[in-house]
Structures are given as C-alpha cells and as structure tokens.
C-alpha cells in the first residue's frame, strides 16, 4: 500500500488494487480471498457463499489454481506455512471439479 493506491472521485476516496492488474485471471481476487482464509473455516465458508457464482465457474476454478501456485512458492520460502494443509486439501477438490468440467466439455463437443 502506498499513496499511488489512492485517488479521488468526486467527494469519495478511492483505493486502487494494482496487484496483478491486467495479468491475473478473471476472479483472481475472489480466489485469493478464499485461499488466504482457508485456515479459518467460518470465514472461508462465508467467502465461498458470497462469491459462489465466481468461484464455482470454470474461470473461478482456474483462478484458484493460479493463486494456489502462487501460494505454493510462498510456502517454499517458509511464508504462511500454517495455511498449506488446508490449501492442499481444498485444491484436491478444485482439481476434481476442473476434471469434471473438462470431461463435461468433451462430452458436449
């Protein structure tokens, strides 16, 4: 966070999130919020419920995979390792859903 993240629109202060601007997959913010909250199940459940349309879509599942890969690199350097078991378990479910999505696409093609 720095001053470059702040702007003004009329009488409102605006906060810009430039992290991954233009390079992240669709729904990356929802995926990041979910994955970073997995070690707090009640929060993860609320995020999942609120963003269910995004997170359960093919783009949302892909975004979760991309964000999980980012988190994996953080684990390798010792950051946030308390989150790793929950993330691994969650990503097994995401991989199953992605596999089903690919299978369904192949069946309709």
Protein backbone atom coordinates (compact mmCIF):
# COMPACT_ATOMS: atom_id res chain seq x y z
CA UNK A 1 0.00 0.00 0.00
CA UNK A 2 1.30 3.41 -0.93
CA UNK A 3 -0.02 6.85 -1.94
CA UNK A 4 -0.21 5.74 -5.58
CA UNK A 5 -3.05 3.40 -4.50
CA UNK A 6 -5.28 6.33 -3.50
CA UNK A 7 -7.41 8.53 -5.71
CA UNK A 8 -10.40 10.83 -5.51
CA UNK A 9 -13.66 10.53 -7.40
CA UNK A 10 -15.91 13.47 -6.61
CA UNK A 11 -16.04 13.58 -2.83
CA UNK A 12 -15.09 9.92 -2.42
CA UNK A 13 -11.66 8.48 -1.72
CA UNK A 14 -10.88 5.52 -3.95
CA UNK A 15 -8.43 2.70 -3.24
CA UNK A 16 -6.81 1.08 -6.30
CA UNK A 17 -5.67 -2.53 -6.18
CA UNK A 18 -2.86 -2.62 -8.76
CA UNK A 19 -1.55 -6.03 -7.70
CA UNK A 20 -1.71 -8.25 -10.78
CA UNK A 21 -3.59 -5.53 -12.73
CA UNK A 22 -4.10 -6.78 -16.26
CA UNK A 23 -2.22 -10.04 -15.70
CA UNK A 24 -4.33 -12.03 -13.28
CA UNK A 25 -7.03 -14.44 -14.36
CA UNK A 26 -10.67 -13.48 -14.06
CA UNK A 27 -11.93 -13.83 -10.45
CA UNK A 28 -8.39 -13.84 -9.03
CA UNK A 29 -9.38 -11.51 -6.19
CA UNK A 30 -12.20 -13.80 -5.02
CA UNK A 31 -9.89 -16.81 -5.34
CA UNK A 32 -7.15 -15.09 -3.38
CA UNK A 33 -9.57 -14.07 -0.64
CA UNK A 34 -10.87 -17.63 -0.36
CA UNK A 35 -7.48 -19.35 -0.40
CA UNK A 36 -5.98 -16.99 2.14
CA UNK A 37 -8.88 -17.67 4.52
CA UNK A 38 -8.87 -21.48 4.33
CA UNK A 39 -7.27 -21.83 7.76
CA UNK A 40 -10.31 -20.06 9.23
CA UNK A 41 -13.20 -22.28 8.12
CA UNK A 42 -16.06 -19.96 9.09
CA UNK A 43 -14.52 -17.11 7.09
CA UNK A 44 -13.78 -19.41 4.13
CA UNK A 45 -17.40 -20.59 4.19
CA UNK A 46 -18.68 -17.01 4.07
CA UNK A 47 -16.33 -16.12 1.22
CA UNK A 48 -17.39 -19.25 -0.66
CA UNK A 49 -21.06 -18.44 -0.19
CA UNK A 50 -20.71 -14.78 -1.17
CA UNK A 51 -18.59 -15.44 -4.26
CA UNK A 52 -20.03 -18.86 -5.15
CA UNK A 53 -21.01 -17.85 -8.69
CA UNK A 54 -17.45 -16.73 -9.41
CA UNK A 55 -15.54 -19.42 -7.53
CA UNK A 56 -17.51 -22.37 -8.91
CA UNK A 57 -17.27 -21.24 -12.53
CA UNK A 58 -14.55 -22.64 -14.82
CA UNK A 59 -12.79 -19.26 -14.67
CA UNK A 60 -13.03 -19.27 -10.88
CA UNK A 61 -11.62 -22.76 -10.61
CA UNK A 62 -8.76 -21.77 -12.92
CA UNK A 63 -8.12 -18.63 -10.84
CA UNK A 64 -7.92 -20.75 -7.70
CA UNK A 65 -5.31 -22.95 -9.38
CA UNK A 66 -3.23 -19.94 -10.38
CA UNK A 67 -3.43 -18.37 -6.93
CA UNK A 68 -2.63 -21.74 -5.29
CA UNK A 69 0.54 -21.96 -7.40
CA UNK A 70 1.50 -18.50 -6.15
CA UNK A 71 0.89 -19.58 -2.55
CA UNK A 72 3.00 -22.71 -3.13
CA UNK A 73 6.02 -20.54 -3.94
CA UNK A 74 5.44 -18.65 -0.70
CA UNK A 75 5.34 -21.91 1.26
CA UNK A 76 8.69 -22.93 -0.24
CA UNK A 77 10.34 -19.91 1.35
CA UNK A 78 8.66 -20.53 4.70
CA UNK A 79 5.84 -18.00 4.46
CA UNK A 80 2.34 -18.80 5.74
CA UNK A 81 3.11 -22.50 6.11
CA UNK A 82 0.22 -22.86 8.56
CA UNK A 83 -2.12 -22.45 5.57
CA UNK A 84 -0.52 -25.22 3.48
CA UNK A 85 -2.51 -28.26 4.74
CA UNK A 86 -5.88 -26.54 4.24
CA UNK A 87 -4.84 -25.27 0.82
CA UNK A 88 -3.69 -28.71 -0.32
CA UNK A 89 -6.99 -30.27 0.79
CA UNK A 90 -9.00 -27.55 -0.93
CA UNK A 91 -7.05 -27.85 -4.16
CA UNK A 92 -7.80 -31.58 -4.36
CA UNK A 93 -11.48 -30.60 -4.55
CA UNK A 94 -10.75 -27.87 -7.11
CA UNK A 95 -8.80 -30.35 -9.27
CA UNK A 96 -11.72 -32.79 -9.15
CA UNK A 97 -14.12 -30.04 -10.24
CA UNK A 98 -11.78 -28.97 -13.03
CA UNK A 99 -11.54 -32.56 -14.21
CA UNK A 100 -15.34 -32.85 -14.26
CA UNK A 101 -15.61 -29.55 -16.14
CA UNK A 102 -13.14 -30.78 -18.78
CA UNK A 103 -14.98 -34.09 -19.05
CA UNK A 104 -18.34 -32.31 -19.48
CA UNK A 105 -16.91 -30.04 -22.15
CA UNK A 106 -15.59 -33.07 -24.03
CA UNK A 107 -18.97 -34.81 -23.82
CA UNK A 108 -20.80 -31.83 -25.32
CA UNK A 109 -18.27 -31.20 -28.08
